[in-house]
Amino acid sequence: METRTNFRVRVMKYAHQLLKATGKSWRYCMLKAWELYRLAKKMRTETVRFAYEKTDGSIRYTEGTLMNLPAGATVRGKRITKPSYKTFAYFDARKNEMRCFRIENLITVY
């Protein structure tokens, strides 16, 4: 029997990581977690414009996608890698390479 991660579980894990990293209210963390979930869902079907704060403090405006990317490496149906709820990885359509950012640094989705 294959177990699948329910989307609510993913949102709660994002929210919990945001709460640990930022110390902000649970309501704020849930709003950001739902924004991350909707971003990932939209990126699986199209290229999305969004902005986030880089580690040096500058803001990166980018276009990214998750189309045609493998969700995770598997061997005989068993996952090798676990998804990270601390970072968000995407394919940068402008630079043609994979990038990631810390989830608490997401600013907005256009």
N, C-alpha and C. Protein backbone atom coordinates (compact mmCIF):
# COMPACT_ATOMS: atom_id res chain seq x y z
N MET A 1 0.83 -1.18 0.00
CA MET A 1 0.00 0.00 0.00
C MET A 1 0.88 1.25 0.00
N GLU A 2 0.60 2.13 -0.92
CA GLU A 2 1.40 3.36 -1.04
C GLU A 2 0.80 4.44 -0.15
N THR A 3 1.65 5.09 0.61
CA THR A 3 1.17 6.21 1.43
C THR A 3 1.50 7.50 0.74
N ARG A 4 0.55 8.41 0.71
CA ARG A 4 0.75 9.71 0.07
C ARG A 4 0.60 10.79 1.12
N THR A 5 1.37 11.85 0.95
CA THR A 5 1.30 12.97 1.88
C THR A 5 0.08 13.81 1.53
N ASN A 6 -0.78 13.96 2.48
CA ASN A 6 -1.96 14.79 2.31
C ASN A 6 -1.50 16.24 2.22
N PHE A 7 -2.19 17.06 1.42
CA PHE A 7 -1.76 18.44 1.24
C PHE A 7 -1.85 19.22 2.55
N ARG A 8 -2.78 18.87 3.43
CA ARG A 8 -2.88 19.56 4.72
C ARG A 8 -1.66 19.28 5.60
N VAL A 9 -1.13 18.07 5.50
CA VAL A 9 0.08 17.72 6.25
C VAL A 9 1.24 18.58 5.78
N ARG A 10 1.35 18.75 4.46
CA ARG A 10 2.42 19.58 3.91
C ARG A 10 2.29 21.02 4.40
N VAL A 11 1.08 21.55 4.40
CA VAL A 11 0.86 22.93 4.86
C VAL A 11 1.22 23.05 6.34
N MET A 12 0.82 22.08 7.15
CA MET A 12 1.14 22.12 8.59
C MET A 12 2.65 22.04 8.83
N LYS A 13 3.35 21.24 8.04
CA LYS A 13 4.80 21.13 8.21
C LYS A 13 5.49 22.44 7.83
N TYR A 14 5.02 23.08 6.74
CA TYR A 14 5.54 24.40 6.39
C TYR A 14 5.28 25.38 7.52
N ALA A 15 4.07 25.39 8.05
CA ALA A 15 3.71 26.34 9.12
C ALA A 15 4.55 26.10 10.37
N HIS A 16 4.78 24.85 10.72
CA HIS A 16 5.58 24.55 11.90
C HIS A 16 7.02 25.02 11.72
N GLN A 17 7.59 24.81 10.54
CA GLN A 17 8.96 25.29 10.28
C GLN A 17 9.03 26.81 10.32
N LEU A 18 8.00 27.47 9.78
CA LEU A 18 7.96 28.93 9.84
C LEU A 18 7.89 29.42 11.28
N LEU A 19 7.09 28.75 12.10
CA LEU A 19 6.96 29.13 13.50
C LEU A 19 8.29 28.97 14.23
N LYS A 20 9.00 27.87 13.97
CA LYS A 20 10.30 27.65 14.60
C LYS A 20 11.33 28.68 14.13
N ALA A 21 11.31 29.01 12.84
CA ALA A 21 12.33 29.90 12.28
C ALA A 21 12.08 31.37 12.61
N THR A 22 10.82 31.79 12.61
CA THR A 22 10.53 33.22 12.77
C THR A 22 10.01 33.59 14.14
N GLY A 23 9.30 32.68 14.81
CA GLY A 23 8.71 33.00 16.10
C GLY A 23 7.48 33.89 16.00
N LYS A 24 6.94 34.04 14.80
CA LYS A 24 5.75 34.87 14.61
C LYS A 24 4.51 34.08 15.00
N SER A 25 3.35 34.72 14.92
CA SER A 25 2.11 34.09 15.35
C SER A 25 1.76 32.90 14.46
N TRP A 26 0.99 31.97 15.03
CA TRP A 26 0.57 30.79 14.28
C TRP A 26 -0.28 31.19 13.08
N ARG A 27 -1.10 32.22 13.24
CA ARG A 27 -1.96 32.69 12.15
C ARG A 27 -1.11 33.16 10.97
N TYR A 28 -0.07 33.94 11.24
CA TYR A 28 0.83 34.42 10.19
C TYR A 28 1.53 33.24 9.50
N CYS A 29 1.99 32.28 10.29
CA CYS A 29 2.69 31.12 9.74
C CYS A 29 1.77 30.29 8.85
N MET A 30 0.51 30.15 9.26
CA MET A 30 -0.44 29.41 8.43
C MET A 30 -0.72 30.13 7.11
N LEU A 31 -0.84 31.45 7.15
CA LEU A 31 -1.05 32.23 5.93
C LEU A 31 0.12 32.05 4.96
N LYS A 32 1.34 32.13 5.47
CA LYS A 32 2.53 31.95 4.63
C LYS A 32 2.62 30.51 4.10
N ALA A 33 2.26 29.54 4.94
CA ALA A 33 2.31 28.14 4.52
C ALA A 33 1.32 27.88 3.39
N TRP A 34 0.13 28.43 3.48
CA TRP A 34 -0.84 28.28 2.39
C TRP A 34 -0.36 28.99 1.14
N GLU A 35 0.32 30.11 1.29
CA GLU A 35 0.87 30.82 0.13
C GLU A 35 1.94 29.96 -0.55
N LEU A 36 2.79 29.30 0.23
CA LEU A 36 3.80 28.41 -0.32
C LEU A 36 3.17 27.22 -1.03
N TYR A 37 2.12 26.66 -0.42
CA TYR A 37 1.44 25.52 -1.03
C TYR A 37 0.82 25.91 -2.37
N ARG A 38 0.14 27.06 -2.40
CA ARG A 38 -0.48 27.52 -3.65
C ARG A 38 0.58 27.84 -4.71
N LEU A 39 1.72 28.39 -4.27
CA LEU A 39 2.82 28.66 -5.20
C LEU A 39 3.31 27.36 -5.84
N ALA A 40 3.56 26.34 -5.03
CA ALA A 40 4.04 25.06 -5.54
C ALA A 40 3.02 24.42 -6.47
N LYS A 41 1.75 24.50 -6.11
CA LYS A 41 0.70 23.91 -6.94
C LYS A 41 0.63 24.60 -8.30
N LYS A 42 0.73 25.93 -8.29
CA LYS A 42 0.67 26.68 -9.54
C LYS A 42 1.92 26.44 -10.39
N MET A 43 3.08 26.27 -9.73
CA MET A 43 4.33 26.06 -10.45
C MET A 43 4.38 24.70 -11.14
N ARG A 44 3.57 23.74 -10.70
CA ARG A 44 3.56 22.43 -11.34
C ARG A 44 2.90 22.46 -12.71
N THR A 45 2.12 23.53 -13.00
CA THR A 45 1.41 23.62 -14.28
C THR A 45 1.90 24.76 -15.16
N GLU A 46 2.57 25.76 -14.59
CA GLU A 46 2.99 26.91 -15.39
C GLU A 46 4.18 27.61 -14.74
N THR A 47 4.73 28.59 -15.45
CA THR A 47 5.81 29.41 -14.92
C THR A 47 5.20 30.56 -14.14
N VAL A 48 5.71 30.79 -12.93
CA VAL A 48 5.12 31.76 -12.01
C VAL A 48 6.15 32.83 -11.65
N ARG A 49 5.71 34.08 -11.58
CA ARG A 49 6.58 35.17 -11.13
C ARG A 49 6.39 35.35 -9.63
N PHE A 50 7.51 35.48 -8.90
CA PHE A 50 7.45 35.70 -7.46
C PHE A 50 8.73 36.38 -7.01
N ALA A 51 8.74 36.81 -5.75
CA ALA A 51 9.91 37.50 -5.20
C ALA A 51 10.22 36.92 -3.82
N TYR A 52 11.51 36.89 -3.51
CA TYR A 52 11.95 36.47 -2.18
C TYR A 52 13.23 37.20 -1.82
N GLU A 53 13.53 37.20 -0.53
CA GLU A 53 14.74 37.86 -0.03
C GLU A 53 15.90 36.87 -0.05
N LYS A 54 17.00 37.28 -0.66
CA LYS A 54 18.19 36.44 -0.70
C LYS A 54 18.91 36.51 0.65
N THR A 55 19.89 35.64 0.85
CA THR A 55 20.60 35.61 2.13
C THR A 55 21.43 36.86 2.37
N ASP A 56 21.82 37.56 1.30
CA ASP A 56 22.58 38.80 1.48
C ASP A 56 21.68 40.01 1.74
N GLY A 57 20.36 39.81 1.76
CA GLY A 57 19.43 40.89 2.07
C GLY A 57 18.79 41.53 0.86
N SER A 58 19.30 41.25 -0.33
CA SER A 58 18.69 41.83 -1.54
C SER A 58 17.45 41.01 -1.93
N ILE A 59 16.63 41.60 -2.76
CA ILE A 59 15.39 40.94 -3.18
C ILE A 59 15.56 40.42 -4.60
N ARG A 60 15.19 39.17 -4.81
CA ARG A 60 15.25 38.56 -6.14
C ARG A 60 13.84 38.43 -6.69
N TYR A 61 13.63 39.05 -7.85
CA TYR A 61 12.38 38.91 -8.60
C TYR A 61 12.66 37.87 -9.67
N THR A 62 11.90 36.81 -9.70
CA THR A 62 12.23 35.71 -10.60
C THR A 62 10.99 35.06 -11.18
N GLU A 63 11.21 34.23 -12.17
CA GLU A 63 10.18 33.38 -12.75
C GLU A 63 10.65 31.95 -12.59
N GLY A 64 9.82 31.13 -11.96
CA GLY A 64 10.21 29.76 -11.71
C GLY A 64 9.11 28.78 -12.05
N THR A 65 9.49 27.52 -12.16
CA THR A 65 8.53 26.47 -12.48
C THR A 65 8.95 25.16 -11.83
N LEU A 66 8.00 24.26 -11.72
CA LEU A 66 8.26 22.89 -11.28
C LEU A 66 7.76 21.89 -12.32
N MET A 67 7.46 22.38 -13.53
CA MET A 67 6.96 21.50 -14.59
C MET A 67 8.06 20.55 -15.04
N ASN A 68 7.68 19.32 -15.32
CA ASN A 68 8.57 18.29 -15.88
C ASN A 68 9.79 18.02 -15.01
N LEU A 69 9.66 18.20 -13.71
CA LEU A 69 10.75 17.88 -12.79
C LEU A 69 10.34 16.69 -11.93
N PRO A 70 11.25 15.75 -11.68
CA PRO A 70 10.89 14.62 -10.83
C PRO A 70 10.66 15.08 -9.40
N ALA A 71 9.64 14.53 -8.76
CA ALA A 71 9.29 14.92 -7.40
C ALA A 71 10.31 14.41 -6.39
N GLY A 72 10.90 13.27 -6.64
CA GLY A 72 11.89 12.71 -5.73
C GLY A 72 12.41 11.40 -6.31
N ALA A 73 13.64 11.10 -6.03
CA ALA A 73 14.23 9.87 -6.56
C ALA A 73 13.67 8.67 -5.79
N THR A 74 13.35 7.60 -6.51
CA THR A 74 12.82 6.40 -5.87
C THR A 74 13.59 5.18 -6.34
N VAL A 75 13.64 4.19 -5.47
CA VAL A 75 14.18 2.88 -5.81
C VAL A 75 13.11 1.86 -5.45
N ARG A 76 12.57 1.19 -6.47
CA ARG A 76 11.49 0.21 -6.29
C ARG A 76 10.31 0.80 -5.51
N GLY A 77 9.98 2.05 -5.80
CA GLY A 77 8.83 2.68 -5.16
C GLY A 77 9.12 3.31 -3.81
N LYS A 78 10.33 3.14 -3.28
CA LYS A 78 10.67 3.72 -1.99
C LYS A 78 11.51 4.97 -2.22
N ARG A 79 11.13 6.04 -1.56
CA ARG A 79 11.80 7.32 -1.75
C ARG A 79 13.21 7.32 -1.14
N ILE A 80 14.15 7.86 -1.89
CA ILE A 80 15.53 7.98 -1.39
C ILE A 80 15.68 9.29 -0.62
N THR A 81 15.17 10.36 -1.20
CA THR A 81 15.30 11.66 -0.57
C THR A 81 14.00 12.07 0.10
N LYS A 82 14.10 12.76 1.20
CA LYS A 82 12.92 13.27 1.89
C LYS A 82 12.72 14.72 1.50
N PRO A 83 11.47 15.15 1.39
CA PRO A 83 11.25 16.56 1.05
C PRO A 83 11.66 17.47 2.20
N SER A 84 12.21 18.62 1.86
CA SER A 84 12.62 19.58 2.88
C SER A 84 11.52 20.61 3.06
N TYR A 85 11.15 20.87 4.29
CA TYR A 85 10.14 21.88 4.58
C TYR A 85 10.79 23.17 5.08
N LYS A 86 12.12 23.24 5.04
CA LYS A 86 12.83 24.46 5.43
C LYS A 86 13.17 25.31 4.21
N THR A 87 13.31 24.68 3.07
CA THR A 87 13.65 25.40 1.84
C THR A 87 12.65 25.04 0.75
N PHE A 88 12.62 25.89 -0.27
CA PHE A 88 11.73 25.69 -1.42
C PHE A 88 12.60 25.69 -2.67
N ALA A 89 12.66 24.57 -3.36
CA ALA A 89 13.48 24.45 -4.57
C ALA A 89 12.61 24.62 -5.81
N TYR A 90 13.17 25.26 -6.83
CA TYR A 90 12.44 25.50 -8.07
C TYR A 90 13.44 25.62 -9.22
N PHE A 91 12.94 25.56 -10.45
CA PHE A 91 13.76 25.75 -11.63
C PHE A 91 13.59 27.19 -12.10
N ASP A 92 14.69 27.95 -12.11
CA ASP A 92 14.65 29.35 -12.52
C ASP A 92 14.61 29.42 -14.04
N ALA A 93 13.51 29.94 -14.59
CA ALA A 93 13.32 29.98 -16.04
C ALA A 93 14.23 31.02 -16.69
N ARG A 94 14.63 32.05 -15.97
CA ARG A 94 15.50 33.08 -16.53
C ARG A 94 16.95 32.62 -16.62
N LYS A 95 17.42 31.95 -15.60
CA LYS A 95 18.83 31.51 -15.54
C LYS A 95 19.03 30.07 -16.01
N ASN A 96 17.94 29.33 -16.21
CA ASN A 96 17.99 27.93 -16.63
C ASN A 96 18.80 27.06 -15.68
N GLU A 97 18.53 27.19 -14.39
CA GLU A 97 19.18 26.34 -13.40
C GLU A 97 18.29 26.23 -12.17
N MET A 98 18.59 25.21 -11.36
CA MET A 98 17.83 25.00 -10.13
C MET A 98 18.29 26.00 -9.07
N ARG A 99 17.33 26.50 -8.31
CA ARG A 99 17.62 27.42 -7.20
C ARG A 99 16.72 27.05 -6.03
N CYS A 100 17.05 27.58 -4.86
CA CYS A 100 16.18 27.38 -3.70
C CYS A 100 16.29 28.59 -2.78
N PHE A 101 15.30 28.74 -1.92
CA PHE A 101 15.30 29.81 -0.93
C PHE A 101 14.67 29.29 0.35
N ARG A 102 15.00 29.93 1.46
CA ARG A 102 14.39 29.57 2.73
C ARG A 102 12.95 30.02 2.74
N ILE A 103 12.05 29.20 3.25
CA ILE A 103 10.62 29.47 3.12
C ILE A 103 10.20 30.74 3.83
N GLU A 104 10.89 31.14 4.87
CA GLU A 104 10.51 32.36 5.57
C GLU A 104 10.87 33.62 4.78
N ASN A 105 11.64 33.48 3.70
CA ASN A 105 12.07 34.62 2.90
C ASN A 105 11.16 34.93 1.72
N LEU A 106 10.10 34.16 1.53
CA LEU A 106 9.16 34.45 0.44
C LEU A 106 8.46 35.77 0.71
N ILE A 107 8.46 36.66 -0.30
CA ILE A 107 7.82 37.97 -0.14
C ILE A 107 6.44 37.97 -0.75
N THR A 108 6.36 37.70 -2.05
CA THR A 108 5.05 37.73 -2.72
C THR A 108 5.06 36.89 -3.98
N VAL A 109 3.86 36.53 -4.42
CA VAL A 109 3.65 35.83 -5.68
C VAL A 109 2.83 36.76 -6.56
N TYR A 110 3.27 36.95 -7.80
CA TYR A 110 2.56 37.86 -8.71
C TYR A 110 1.55 37.12 -9.55
